[in-house]
Amino acid sequence: MSFQKAKDLLKLASMAASRHRGISVQEIAKEFSVNERTAQRMVQALKDVFPTVSHMTDSDRRRRWKVRETSKLGMPGLYDHELVALEMSIRRAEREGAQSEKDALCGLRDRLMATLPPIHARRAEVDAETLLEARGYACRPGPRVKTSEGMLKNIAGAIRGPYRLTLMYQGERDPEPKHRIIEPYGLLFGTRHYLIGRDIAKDDRFRRFRLDRMSDVEITVQWFEKDNDFDLRTYAEQSFSSFHSDAEFTRIVWRFSAAAAAAAREFEFHPKQELIDQGDGSLLVIFDASGLVEMAWHLAKWGDAVDVIEPAALRDMVSAYRTSPIKVRP
């Protein structure tokens, strides 16, 4: 059974279990955009996997199928549209001043999220933000790299598959674009957007491919087996932003002045940062990462409110911003 057929079967089982009267062949055909013969085969597959499927005949003399035993369904998690609907309801209740309704919905959301494995919960939270943006309930002002919507759709579909991607890519040292076949694992969004994956023509090392250097990105039907030990969040934690260099990976120590310490404490500069309060009211921020240029860009916003203790290379980069006349904290 293909992955798509397995997903369709699970969706069908959920529909047959949740609907009081079950589901008919005609409804299956409409829901999955198939003919009735295919819908009948889907019913047979449902009966093979869920032996307790029963049927009844409705008033229109149509047979309807019902899944009685749902233990095999388990808790498949939150679908994107379900999560965004819940988030939108919370915001609507907040706007209307319905505090008790808002509190109840927030409690429901938190309990649902608690049932998910951590990796799925993190993905659901990110998806909620993205979908809220798509619905016009949230936005991210400021400059960002333009990315083709069609390219992102192809990449997203390949990651979900997972299927290999074919594309033209011009690396920093390439005189012209080259054809690549990539096994995609995830995306990192930052000043520049990167696709994380493996180039099958090279070694098994995970590489970063800048989206602005890609063209002719196409999803293939070539399925590949993902490395289950790979975790996108762990991989991303090697960097300050989306750029990574093994040669730059080092210990980072910043000291924010007493005047800026409260504002700095509100930031998560890195998921594994350590915050240490100093006797004079200043704040040390310590973490390990690469991406010194990206750090310099960010620290420029803080002007003379921050000192770079380590590394020396970064301290040299930001020295020009120490006399910045801008006093507003980020």
C-alpha atoms as a PDB file:
ATOM      1  CA  MET A   1       0.000   0.000   0.000  1.00  0.00           C
ATOM      2  CA  SER A   2       1.323   3.464  -0.940  1.00  0.00           C
ATOM      3  CA  PHE A   3       1.658   6.219   1.644  1.00  0.00           C
ATOM      4  CA  GLN A   4      -1.188   8.193   0.033  1.00  0.00           C
ATOM      5  CA  LYS A   5      -3.501   5.173   0.131  1.00  0.00           C
ATOM      6  CA  ALA A   6      -2.608   4.588   3.781  1.00  0.00           C
ATOM      7  CA  LYS A   7      -3.438   8.227   4.582  1.00  0.00           C
ATOM      8  CA  ASP A   8      -6.732   7.931   2.701  1.00  0.00           C
ATOM      9  CA  LEU A   9      -7.617   4.761   4.594  1.00  0.00           C
ATOM     10  CA  LEU A  10      -6.953   6.427   7.958  1.00  0.00           C
ATOM     11  CA  LYS A  11      -9.022   9.420   6.915  1.00  0.00           C
ATOM     12  CA  LEU A  12     -11.839   7.115   5.804  1.00  0.00           C
ATOM     13  CA  ALA A  13     -11.696   5.225   9.113  1.00  0.00           C
ATOM     14  CA  SER A  14     -11.920   8.503  11.054  1.00  0.00           C
ATOM     15  CA  MET A  15     -14.929   9.573   9.001  1.00  0.00           C
ATOM     16  CA  ALA A  16     -16.660   6.213   9.426  1.00  0.00           C
ATOM     17  CA  ALA A  17     -16.040   6.305  13.182  1.00  0.00           C
ATOM     18  CA  SER A  18     -17.020   9.925  13.835  1.00  0.00           C
ATOM     19  CA  ARG A  19     -20.239  10.079  11.809  1.00  0.00           C
ATOM     20  CA  HIS A  20     -23.252   8.804  13.725  1.00  0.00           C
ATOM     21  CA  ARG A  21     -24.715   6.924  10.787  1.00  0.00           C
ATOM     22  CA  GLY A  22     -21.398   5.985   9.211  1.00  0.00           C
ATOM     23  CA  ILE A  23     -20.547   6.764   5.587  1.00  0.00           C
ATOM     24  CA  SER A  24     -21.902   5.621   2.236  1.00  0.00           C
ATOM     25  CA  VAL A  25     -20.090   4.622  -0.946  1.00  0.00           C
ATOM     26  CA  GLN A  26     -21.455   7.727  -2.650  1.00  0.00           C
ATOM     27  CA  GLU A  27     -20.090   9.984   0.101  1.00  0.00           C
ATOM     28  CA  ILE A  28     -16.707   8.262  -0.103  1.00  0.00           C
ATOM     29  CA  ALA A  29     -16.591   8.803  -3.864  1.00  0.00           C
ATOM     30  CA  LYS A  30     -17.357  12.512  -3.411  1.00  0.00           C
ATOM     31  CA  GLU A  31     -14.947  13.043  -0.514  1.00  0.00           C
ATOM     32  CA  PHE A  32     -11.974  11.375  -2.228  1.00  0.00           C
ATOM     33  CA  SER A  33     -12.861  12.387  -5.815  1.00  0.00           C
ATOM     34  CA  VAL A  34     -13.008   8.776  -7.037  1.00  0.00           C
ATOM     35  CA  ASN A  35     -15.610   6.707  -8.853  1.00  0.00           C
ATOM     36  CA  GLU A  36     -17.961   4.401  -6.955  1.00  0.00           C
ATOM     37  CA  ARG A  37     -16.055   1.275  -7.964  1.00  0.00           C
ATOM     38  CA  THR A  38     -12.902   2.664  -6.328  1.00  0.00           C
ATOM     39  CA  ALA A  39     -14.970   3.741  -3.322  1.00  0.00           C
ATOM     40  CA  GLN A  40     -16.217   0.148  -2.953  1.00  0.00           C
ATOM     41  CA  ARG A  41     -12.624  -1.106  -2.967  1.00  0.00           C
ATOM     42  CA  MET A  42     -11.840   1.427  -0.237  1.00  0.00           C
ATOM     43  CA  VAL A  43     -14.703   0.028   1.830  1.00  0.00           C
ATOM     44  CA  GLN A  44     -13.279  -3.471   1.382  1.00  0.00           C
ATOM     45  CA  ALA A  45      -9.845  -2.255   2.535  1.00  0.00           C
ATOM     46  CA  LEU A  46     -11.527  -0.640   5.539  1.00  0.00           C
ATOM     47  CA  LYS A  47     -13.176  -3.960   6.428  1.00  0.00           C
ATOM     48  CA  ASP A  48      -9.850  -5.781   6.077  1.00  0.00           C
ATOM     49  CA  VAL A  49      -8.104  -3.457   8.545  1.00  0.00           C
ATOM     50  CA  PHE A  50     -11.053  -2.933  10.920  1.00  0.00           C
ATOM     51  CA  PRO A  51     -12.868  -6.280  11.270  1.00  0.00           C
ATOM     52  CA  THR A  52     -15.565  -4.711  13.467  1.00  0.00           C
ATOM     53  CA  VAL A  53     -16.907  -2.526  10.641  1.00  0.00           C
ATOM     54  CA  SER A  54     -20.676  -2.838  10.503  1.00  0.00           C
ATOM     55  CA  HIS A  55     -23.246  -1.570   8.044  1.00  0.00           C
ATOM     56  CA  MET A  56     -26.821  -0.360   7.997  1.00  0.00           C
ATOM     57  CA  THR A  57     -29.310   0.710   5.326  1.00  0.00           C
ATOM     58  CA  ASP A  58     -30.598   4.266   5.511  1.00  0.00           C
ATOM     59  CA  SER A  59     -33.972   5.654   4.478  1.00  0.00           C
ATOM     60  CA  ASP A  60     -32.726   6.083   0.898  1.00  0.00           C
ATOM     61  CA  ARG A  61     -31.873   2.355   0.839  1.00  0.00           C
ATOM     62  CA  ARG A  62     -28.162   3.144   0.748  1.00  0.00           C
ATOM     63  CA  ARG A  63     -25.755   1.008   2.685  1.00  0.00           C
ATOM     64  CA  ARG A  64     -23.702   2.956   5.229  1.00  0.00           C
ATOM     65  CA  TRP A  65     -20.498   1.728   6.897  1.00  0.00           C
ATOM     66  CA  LYS A  66     -19.588   2.394  10.507  1.00  0.00           C
ATOM     67  CA  VAL A  67     -16.339   1.730  12.414  1.00  0.00           C
ATOM     68  CA  ARG A  68     -17.327   0.636  15.930  1.00  0.00           C
ATOM     69  CA  GLU A  69     -13.911  -0.200  17.407  1.00  0.00           C
ATOM     70  CA  THR A  70     -11.653   2.854  17.267  1.00  0.00           C
ATOM     71  CA  SER A  71      -8.690   1.687  19.352  1.00  0.00           C
ATOM     72  CA  LYS A  72      -6.616   1.220  16.198  1.00  0.00           C
ATOM     73  CA  LEU A  73      -7.190   4.838  15.248  1.00  0.00           C
ATOM     74  CA  GLY A  74      -5.503   6.071  18.413  1.00  0.00           C
ATOM     75  CA  MET A  75      -4.813   9.789  18.563  1.00  0.00           C
ATOM     76  CA  PRO A  76      -3.467  10.714  15.127  1.00  0.00           C
ATOM     77  CA  GLY A  77      -2.727  14.263  16.219  1.00  0.00           C
ATOM     78  CA  LEU A  78      -4.016  17.643  15.168  1.00  0.00           C
ATOM     79  CA  TYR A  79      -4.629  18.420  11.543  1.00  0.00           C
ATOM     80  CA  ASP A  80      -3.468  21.833  10.383  1.00  0.00           C
ATOM     81  CA  HIS A  81      -6.956  23.142   9.613  1.00  0.00           C
ATOM     82  CA  GLU A  82      -8.233  21.921  13.002  1.00  0.00           C
ATOM     83  CA  LEU A  83      -5.452  23.668  14.876  1.00  0.00           C
ATOM     84  CA  VAL A  84      -5.834  26.955  13.041  1.00  0.00           C
ATOM     85  CA  ALA A  85      -9.607  26.872  13.584  1.00  0.00           C
ATOM     86  CA  LEU A  86      -8.999  26.483  17.314  1.00  0.00           C
ATOM     87  CA  GLU A  87      -6.429  29.304  17.359  1.00  0.00           C
ATOM     88  CA  MET A  88      -8.777  31.566  15.412  1.00  0.00           C
ATOM     89  CA  SER A  89     -11.588  30.819  17.884  1.00  0.00           C
ATOM     90  CA  ILE A  90      -9.324  31.775  20.784  1.00  0.00           C
ATOM     91  CA  ARG A  91      -8.446  35.087  19.153  1.00  0.00           C
ATOM     92  CA  ARG A  92     -12.088  35.756  18.281  1.00  0.00           C
ATOM     93  CA  ALA A  93     -13.120  35.174  21.904  1.00  0.00           C
ATOM     94  CA  GLU A  94     -10.327  37.492  23.047  1.00  0.00           C
ATOM     95  CA  ARG A  95     -11.440  40.258  20.677  1.00  0.00           C
ATOM     96  CA  GLU A  96     -15.035  39.956  21.862  1.00  0.00           C
ATOM     97  CA  GLY A  97     -14.055  40.039  25.525  1.00  0.00           C
ATOM     98  CA  ALA A  98     -15.366  36.512  26.204  1.00  0.00           C
ATOM     99  CA  GLN A  99     -12.715  35.692  28.790  1.00  0.00           C
ATOM    100  CA  SER A 100     -14.295  32.488  30.124  1.00  0.00           C
ATOM    101  CA  GLU A 101     -14.719  31.143  26.584  1.00  0.00           C
ATOM    102  CA  LYS A 102     -11.138  32.071  25.758  1.00  0.00           C
ATOM    103  CA  ASP A 103      -9.840  30.316  28.902  1.00  0.00           C
ATOM    104  CA  ALA A 104     -11.829  27.171  28.084  1.00  0.00           C
ATOM    105  CA  LEU A 105     -10.526  27.068  24.514  1.00  0.00           C
ATOM    106  CA  CYS A 106      -6.957  27.659  25.661  1.00  0.00           C
ATOM    107  CA  GLY A 107      -7.306  24.779  28.132  1.00  0.00           C
ATOM    108  CA  LEU A 108      -8.624  22.523  25.368  1.00  0.00           C
ATOM    109  CA  ARG A 109      -5.761  23.492  23.072  1.00  0.00           C
ATOM    110  CA  ASP A 110      -3.155  22.863  25.772  1.00  0.00           C
ATOM    111  CA  ARG A 111      -4.579  19.431  26.623  1.00  0.00           C
ATOM    112  CA  LEU A 112      -4.651  18.435  22.961  1.00  0.00           C
ATOM    113  CA  MET A 113      -1.058  19.590  22.481  1.00  0.00           C
ATOM    114  CA  ALA A 114      -0.021  17.630  25.580  1.00  0.00           C
ATOM    115  CA  THR A 115      -1.209  14.391  23.936  1.00  0.00           C
ATOM    116  CA  LEU A 116       1.206  14.844  21.035  1.00  0.00           C
ATOM    117  CA  PRO A 117       4.823  13.649  21.006  1.00  0.00           C
ATOM    118  CA  PRO A 118       7.160  16.658  21.439  1.00  0.00           C
ATOM    119  CA  ILE A 119       8.278  16.705  17.801  1.00  0.00           C
ATOM    120  CA  HIS A 120       4.655  16.815  16.562  1.00  0.00           C
ATOM    121  CA  ALA A 121       3.693  19.422  19.149  1.00  0.00           C
ATOM    122  CA  ARG A 122       6.503  21.724  17.974  1.00  0.00           C
ATOM    123  CA  ARG A 123       5.446  21.274  14.355  1.00  0.00           C
ATOM    124  CA  ALA A 124       1.827  21.994  15.243  1.00  0.00           C
ATOM    125  CA  GLU A 125       2.784  25.235  16.985  1.00  0.00           C
ATOM    126  CA  VAL A 126       4.769  26.388  13.946  1.00  0.00           C
ATOM    127  CA  ASP A 127       1.976  25.379  11.593  1.00  0.00           C
ATOM    128  CA  ALA A 128      -0.500  27.392  13.668  1.00  0.00           C
ATOM    129  CA  GLU A 129       1.570  30.560  13.196  1.00  0.00           C
ATOM    130  CA  THR A 130       1.964  29.926   9.466  1.00  0.00           C
ATOM    131  CA  LEU A 131      -1.718  29.230   8.929  1.00  0.00           C
ATOM    132  CA  LEU A 132      -2.760  32.281  10.932  1.00  0.00           C
ATOM    133  CA  GLU A 133      -0.574  34.346   8.619  1.00  0.00           C
ATOM    134  CA  ALA A 134      -2.176  32.705   5.586  1.00  0.00           C
ATOM    135  CA  ARG A 135      -5.663  33.561   6.900  1.00  0.00           C
ATOM    136  CA  GLY A 136      -4.699  37.199   7.440  1.00  0.00           C
ATOM    137  CA  TYR A 137      -4.807  37.034  11.249  1.00  0.00           C
ATOM    138  CA  ALA A 138      -1.074  37.584  11.656  1.00  0.00           C
ATOM    139  CA  CYS A 139       1.825  39.008   9.689  1.00  0.00           C
ATOM    140  CA  ARG A 140       5.602  39.384   9.906  1.00  0.00           C
ATOM    141  CA  PRO A 141       6.605  42.939   8.984  1.00  0.00           C
ATOM    142  CA  GLY A 142      10.121  43.719   7.829  1.00  0.00           C
ATOM    143  CA  PRO A 143      12.408  42.747   4.952  1.00  0.00           C
ATOM    144  CA  ARG A 144      12.568  39.151   3.809  1.00  0.00           C
ATOM    145  CA  VAL A 145      13.835  37.184   0.854  1.00  0.00           C
ATOM    146  CA  LYS A 146      11.343  36.643  -1.943  1.00  0.00           C
ATOM    147  CA  THR A 147      10.669  32.953  -2.561  1.00  0.00           C
ATOM    148  CA  SER A 148       8.570  31.366  -5.290  1.00  0.00           C
ATOM    149  CA  GLU A 149       5.327  29.948  -3.908  1.00  0.00           C
ATOM    150  CA  GLY A 150       5.443  27.139  -6.479  1.00  0.00           C
ATOM    151  CA  MET A 151       8.958  26.208  -5.409  1.00  0.00           C
ATOM    152  CA  LEU A 152       7.938  26.067  -1.747  1.00  0.00           C
ATOM    153  CA  LYS A 153       4.924  23.889  -2.572  1.00  0.00           C
ATOM    154  CA  ASN A 154       7.116  21.407  -4.441  1.00  0.00           C
ATOM    155  CA  ILE A 155       9.659  21.328  -1.622  1.00  0.00           C
ATOM    156  CA  ALA A 156       6.954  20.899   1.028  1.00  0.00           C
ATOM    157  CA  GLY A 157       5.343  18.059  -0.925  1.00  0.00           C
ATOM    158  CA  ALA A 158       8.692  16.309  -1.329  1.00  0.00           C
ATOM    159  CA  ILE A 159       9.479  16.608   2.398  1.00  0.00           C
ATOM    160  CA  ARG A 160       6.085  15.162   3.334  1.00  0.00           C
ATOM    161  CA  GLY A 161       6.478  12.243   0.867  1.00  0.00           C
ATOM    162  CA  PRO A 162       9.345  11.880   1.348  1.00  0.00           C
ATOM    163  CA  TYR A 163      10.253  12.101  -2.336  1.00  0.00           C
ATOM    164  CA  ARG A 164      13.418  13.203  -4.072  1.00  0.00           C
ATOM    165  CA  LEU A 165      13.658  16.619  -5.698  1.00  0.00           C
ATOM    166  CA  THR A 166      15.350  17.502  -8.962  1.00  0.00           C
ATOM    167  CA  LEU A 167      16.610  21.060  -9.361  1.00  0.00           C
ATOM    168  CA  MET A 168      19.235  23.317 -10.859  1.00  0.00           C
ATOM    169  CA  TYR A 169      21.576  24.760  -8.244  1.00  0.00           C
ATOM    170  CA  GLN A 170      24.440  27.206  -8.481  1.00  0.00           C
ATOM    171  CA  GLY A 171      26.720  26.905  -5.488  1.00  0.00           C
ATOM    172  CA  GLU A 172      29.025  29.707  -4.422  1.00  0.00           C
ATOM    173  CA  ARG A 173      31.927  28.193  -6.381  1.00  0.00           C
ATOM    174  CA  ASP A 174      29.926  26.973  -9.376  1.00  0.00           C
ATOM    175  CA  PRO A 175      30.436  29.004 -12.583  1.00  0.00           C
ATOM    176  CA  GLU A 176      26.941  27.969 -13.696  1.00  0.00           C
ATOM    177  CA  PRO A 177      23.954  26.024 -12.301  1.00  0.00           C
ATOM    178  CA  LYS A 178      24.251  22.250 -12.063  1.00  0.00           C
ATOM    179  CA  HIS A 179      21.589  19.553 -12.047  1.00  0.00           C
ATOM    180  CA  ARG A 180      21.083  18.050  -8.573  1.00  0.00           C
ATOM    181  CA  ILE A 181      18.946  15.273  -7.108  1.00  0.00           C
ATOM    182  CA  ILE A 182      18.235  16.067  -3.458  1.00  0.00           C
ATOM    183  CA  GLU A 183      16.674  14.064  -0.646  1.00  0.00           C
ATOM    184  CA  PRO A 184      14.947  16.859   1.338  1.00  0.00           C
ATOM    185  CA  TYR A 185      14.658  16.841   5.144  1.00  0.00           C
ATOM    186  CA  GLY A 186      13.514  20.323   6.098  1.00  0.00           C
ATOM    187  CA  LEU A 187      13.675  24.089   5.640  1.00  0.00           C
ATOM    188  CA  LEU A 188      15.375  26.791   7.668  1.00  0.00           C
ATOM    189  CA  PHE A 189      13.925  30.291   7.309  1.00  0.00           C
ATOM    190  CA  GLY A 190      16.117  33.266   8.102  1.00  0.00           C
ATOM    191  CA  THR A 191      17.792  36.159   6.332  1.00  0.00           C
ATOM    192  CA  ARG A 192      18.302  33.580   3.601  1.00  0.00           C
ATOM    193  CA  HIS A 193      16.149  30.463   3.321  1.00  0.00           C
ATOM    194  CA  TYR A 194      17.866  27.063   3.191  1.00  0.00           C
ATOM    195  CA  LEU A 195      16.762  23.559   2.229  1.00  0.00           C
ATOM    196  CA  ILE A 196      18.392  20.852   4.353  1.00  0.00           C
ATOM    197  CA  GLY A 197      19.001  17.621   2.501  1.00  0.00           C
ATOM    198  CA  ARG A 198      21.376  15.152   0.935  1.00  0.00           C
ATOM    199  CA  ASP A 199      22.790  15.333  -2.561  1.00  0.00           C
ATOM    200  CA  ILE A 200      22.619  11.703  -3.742  1.00  0.00           C
ATOM    201  CA  ALA A 201      25.603  12.223  -6.074  1.00  0.00           C
ATOM    202  CA  LYS A 202      27.810  13.073  -3.095  1.00  0.00           C
ATOM    203  CA  ASP A 203      28.345  11.667   0.395  1.00  0.00           C
ATOM    204  CA  ASP A 204      25.677  11.130   3.065  1.00  0.00           C
ATOM    205  CA  ARG A 205      26.413  14.443   4.779  1.00  0.00           C
ATOM    206  CA  PHE A 206      23.490  16.805   5.325  1.00  0.00           C
ATOM    207  CA  ARG A 207      23.956  20.002   3.349  1.00  0.00           C
ATOM    208  CA  ARG A 208      22.295  23.412   3.139  1.00  0.00           C
ATOM    209  CA  PHE A 209      21.017  24.694  -0.191  1.00  0.00           C
ATOM    210  CA  ARG A 210      20.034  28.332  -0.552  1.00  0.00           C
ATOM    211  CA  LEU A 211      16.593  28.675  -2.087  1.00  0.00           C
ATOM    212  CA  ASP A 212      17.541  31.839  -3.965  1.00  0.00           C
ATOM    213  CA  ARG A 213      20.178  29.823  -5.848  1.00  0.00           C
ATOM    214  CA  MET A 214      17.683  27.178  -6.993  1.00  0.00           C
ATOM    215  CA  SER A 215      15.646  26.945 -10.170  1.00  0.00           C
ATOM    216  CA  ASP A 216      13.516  24.340 -11.964  1.00  0.00           C
ATOM    217  CA  VAL A 217      12.593  22.650  -8.670  1.00  0.00           C
ATOM    218  CA  GLU A 218      10.459  19.580  -9.380  1.00  0.00           C
ATOM    219  CA  ILE A 219       9.124  16.837  -7.121  1.00  0.00           C
ATOM    220  CA  THR A 220       9.717  13.281  -8.352  1.00  0.00           C
ATOM    221  CA  VAL A 221       7.964   9.980  -7.644  1.00  0.00           C
ATOM    222  CA  GLN A 222      11.196   8.514  -6.266  1.00  0.00           C
ATOM    223  CA  TRP A 223      10.539   7.721  -2.617  1.00  0.00           C
ATOM    224  CA  PHE A 224      13.497   7.540  -0.225  1.00  0.00           C
ATOM    225  CA  GLU A 225      13.921   6.232   3.309  1.00  0.00           C
ATOM    226  CA  LYS A 226      14.631   9.012   5.779  1.00  0.00           C
ATOM    227  CA  ASP A 227      17.333   8.829   8.416  1.00  0.00           C
ATOM    228  CA  ASN A 228      15.318   8.497  11.620  1.00  0.00           C
ATOM    229  CA  ASP A 229      18.216   9.877  13.676  1.00  0.00           C
ATOM    230  CA  PHE A 230      17.982  13.257  11.960  1.00  0.00           C
ATOM    231  CA  ASP A 231      16.178  15.963  13.936  1.00  0.00           C
ATOM    232  CA  LEU A 232      15.708  19.329  12.253  1.00  0.00           C
ATOM    233  CA  ARG A 233      15.569  21.288  15.517  1.00  0.00           C
ATOM    234  CA  THR A 234      18.815  19.741  16.767  1.00  0.00           C
ATOM    235  CA  TYR A 235      20.427  20.469  13.412  1.00  0.00           C
ATOM    236  CA  ALA A 236      19.232  24.088  13.478  1.00  0.00           C
ATOM    237  CA  GLU A 237      20.621  24.595  16.983  1.00  0.00           C
ATOM    238  CA  GLN A 238      24.134  24.476  15.540  1.00  0.00           C
ATOM    239  CA  SER A 239      23.532  27.955  14.103  1.00  0.00           C
ATOM    240  CA  PHE A 240      22.524  31.408  15.273  1.00  0.00           C
ATOM    241  CA  SER A 241      20.399  31.944  12.179  1.00  0.00           C
ATOM    242  CA  SER A 242      19.912  29.824   9.047  1.00  0.00           C
ATOM    243  CA  PHE A 243      23.577  29.870   7.972  1.00  0.00           C
ATOM    244  CA  HIS A 244      25.986  27.261   9.372  1.00  0.00           C
ATOM    245  CA  SER A 245      29.718  26.656   9.118  1.00  0.00           C
ATOM    246  CA  ASP A 246      31.548  23.931  11.023  1.00  0.00           C
ATOM    247  CA  ALA A 247      34.658  26.122  11.000  1.00  0.00           C
ATOM    248  CA  GLU A 248      32.802  28.929  12.815  1.00  0.00           C
ATOM    249  CA  PHE A 249      31.066  26.783  15.424  1.00  0.00           C
ATOM    250  CA  THR A 250      32.310  28.075  18.772  1.00  0.00           C
ATOM    251  CA  ARG A 251      31.427  29.285  22.256  1.00  0.00           C
ATOM    252  CA  ILE A 252      29.586  32.634  22.242  1.00  0.00           C
ATOM    253  CA  VAL A 253      29.590  35.002  25.230  1.00  0.00           C
ATOM    254  CA  TRP A 254      27.826  38.376  25.191  1.00  0.00           C
ATOM    255  CA  ARG A 255      27.445  40.847  28.067  1.00  0.00           C
ATOM    256  CA  PHE A 256      24.457  43.188  28.006  1.00  0.00           C
ATOM    257  CA  SER A 257      24.666  46.350  30.082  1.00  0.00           C
ATOM    258  CA  ALA A 258      22.518  46.843  33.164  1.00  0.00           C
ATOM    259  CA  ALA A 259      20.336  49.258  31.186  1.00  0.00           C
ATOM    260  CA  ALA A 260      19.715  46.657  28.458  1.00  0.00           C
ATOM    261  CA  ALA A 261      19.597  43.516  30.624  1.00  0.00           C
ATOM    262  CA  ALA A 262      15.804  43.493  31.071  1.00  0.00           C
ATOM    263  CA  ALA A 263      15.197  43.823  27.319  1.00  0.00           C
ATOM    264  CA  ALA A 264      17.815  41.157  26.516  1.00  0.00           C
ATOM    265  CA  ARG A 265      16.227  38.743  28.987  1.00  0.00           C
ATOM    266  CA  GLU A 266      13.044  38.783  26.878  1.00  0.00           C
ATOM    267  CA  PHE A 267      14.895  37.344  23.866  1.00  0.00           C
ATOM    268  CA  GLU A 268      15.723  33.760  23.044  1.00  0.00           C
ATOM    269  CA  PHE A 269      18.951  34.296  21.151  1.00  0.00           C
ATOM    270  CA  HIS A 270      19.516  30.545  21.028  1.00  0.00           C
ATOM    271  CA  PRO A 271      17.417  27.564  22.235  1.00  0.00           C
ATOM    272  CA  LYS A 272      20.236  26.388  24.511  1.00  0.00           C
ATOM    273  CA  GLN A 273      21.370  29.742  25.826  1.00  0.00           C
ATOM    274  CA  GLU A 274      22.494  30.239  29.406  1.00  0.00           C
ATOM    275  CA  LEU A 275      21.652  33.512  31.151  1.00  0.00           C
ATOM    276  CA  ILE A 276      23.832  34.624  34.061  1.00  0.00           C
ATOM    277  CA  ASP A 277      23.058  37.760  36.073  1.00  0.00           C
ATOM    278  CA  GLN A 278      26.078  39.804  37.118  1.00  0.00           C
ATOM    279  CA  GLY A 279      26.574  41.741  40.302  1.00  0.00           C
ATOM    280  CA  ASP A 280      26.540  45.109  38.505  1.00  0.00           C
ATOM    281  CA  GLY A 281      23.139  44.390  36.920  1.00  0.00           C
ATOM    282  CA  SER A 282      24.517  43.326  33.547  1.00  0.00           C
ATOM    283  CA  LEU A 283      23.610  40.016  31.907  1.00  0.00           C
ATOM    284  CA  LEU A 284      25.793  37.328  30.332  1.00  0.00           C
ATOM    285  CA  VAL A 285      24.332  35.291  27.462  1.00  0.00           C
ATOM    286  CA  ILE A 286      26.262  32.105  26.637  1.00  0.00           C
ATOM    287  CA  PHE A 287      25.653  29.486  23.934  1.00  0.00           C
ATOM    288  CA  ASP A 288      27.470  27.487  21.222  1.00  0.00           C
ATOM    289  CA  ALA A 289      26.729  28.211  17.567  1.00  0.00           C
ATOM    290  CA  SER A 290      28.056  29.320  14.194  1.00  0.00           C
ATOM    291  CA  GLY A 291      26.985  32.220  11.984  1.00  0.00           C
ATOM    292  CA  LEU A 292      29.194  35.125  13.085  1.00  0.00           C
ATOM    293  CA  VAL A 293      28.028  37.476  10.331  1.00  0.00           C
ATOM    294  CA  GLU A 294      24.383  36.920  11.270  1.00  0.00           C
ATOM    295  CA  MET A 295      25.279  37.575  14.923  1.00  0.00           C
ATOM    296  CA  ALA A 296      27.022  40.819  13.950  1.00  0.00           C
ATOM    297  CA  TRP A 297      23.936  41.937  12.018  1.00  0.00           C
ATOM    298  CA  HIS A 298      21.765  41.317  15.077  1.00  0.00           C
ATOM    299  CA  LEU A 299      24.137  42.857  17.618  1.00  0.00           C
ATOM    300  CA  ALA A 300      24.268  46.048  15.545  1.00  0.00           C
ATOM    301  CA  LYS A 301      20.731  46.719  16.786  1.00  0.00           C
ATOM    302  CA  TRP A 302      21.984  46.838  20.381  1.00  0.00           C
ATOM    303  CA  GLY A 303      24.732  49.400  19.723  1.00  0.00           C
ATOM    304  CA  ASP A 304      26.941  49.992  22.759  1.00  0.00           C
ATOM    305  CA  ALA A 305      24.520  48.130  25.054  1.00  0.00           C
ATOM    306  CA  VAL A 306      26.313  44.825  24.403  1.00  0.00           C
ATOM    307  CA  ASP A 307      29.931  43.682  24.612  1.00  0.00           C
ATOM    308  CA  VAL A 308      31.229  40.586  22.847  1.00  0.00           C
ATOM    309  CA  ILE A 309      33.398  38.649  25.288  1.00  0.00           C
ATOM    310  CA  GLU A 310      33.929  35.639  22.999  1.00  0.00           C
ATOM    311  CA  PRO A 311      34.971  35.009  20.254  1.00  0.00           C
ATOM    312  CA  ALA A 312      37.510  37.637  19.259  1.00  0.00           C
ATOM    313  CA  ALA A 313      36.541  37.413  15.575  1.00  0.00           C
ATOM    314  CA  LEU A 314      32.986  38.494  16.371  1.00  0.00           C
ATOM    315  CA  ARG A 315      34.220  41.230  18.712  1.00  0.00           C
ATOM    316  CA  ASP A 316      36.207  42.715  15.839  1.00  0.00           C
ATOM    317  CA  MET A 317      33.146  42.602  13.552  1.00  0.00           C
ATOM    318  CA  VAL A 318      30.901  44.579  15.911  1.00  0.00           C
ATOM    319  CA  SER A 319      33.479  47.126  17.046  1.00  0.00           C
ATOM    320  CA  ALA A 320      32.284  49.580  14.392  1.00  0.00           C
ATOM    321  CA  TYR A 321      28.808  49.647  15.947  1.00  0.00           C
ATOM    322  CA  ARG A 322      29.927  50.481  19.470  1.00  0.00           C
ATOM    323  CA  THR A 323      29.391  54.216  18.935  1.00  0.00           C
ATOM    324  CA  SER A 324      25.955  53.858  17.340  1.00  0.00           C
ATOM    325  CA  PRO A 325      23.690  56.833  18.169  1.00  0.00           C
ATOM    326  CA  ILE A 326      20.618  54.553  18.230  1.00  0.00           C
ATOM    327  CA  LYS A 327      19.491  54.030  21.832  1.00  0.00           C
ATOM    328  CA  VAL A 328      16.163  52.248  21.295  1.00  0.00           C
ATOM    329  CA  ARG A 329      16.318  48.591  22.374  1.00  0.00           C
ATOM    330  CA  PRO A 330      15.284  45.874  19.889  1.00  0.00           C
END
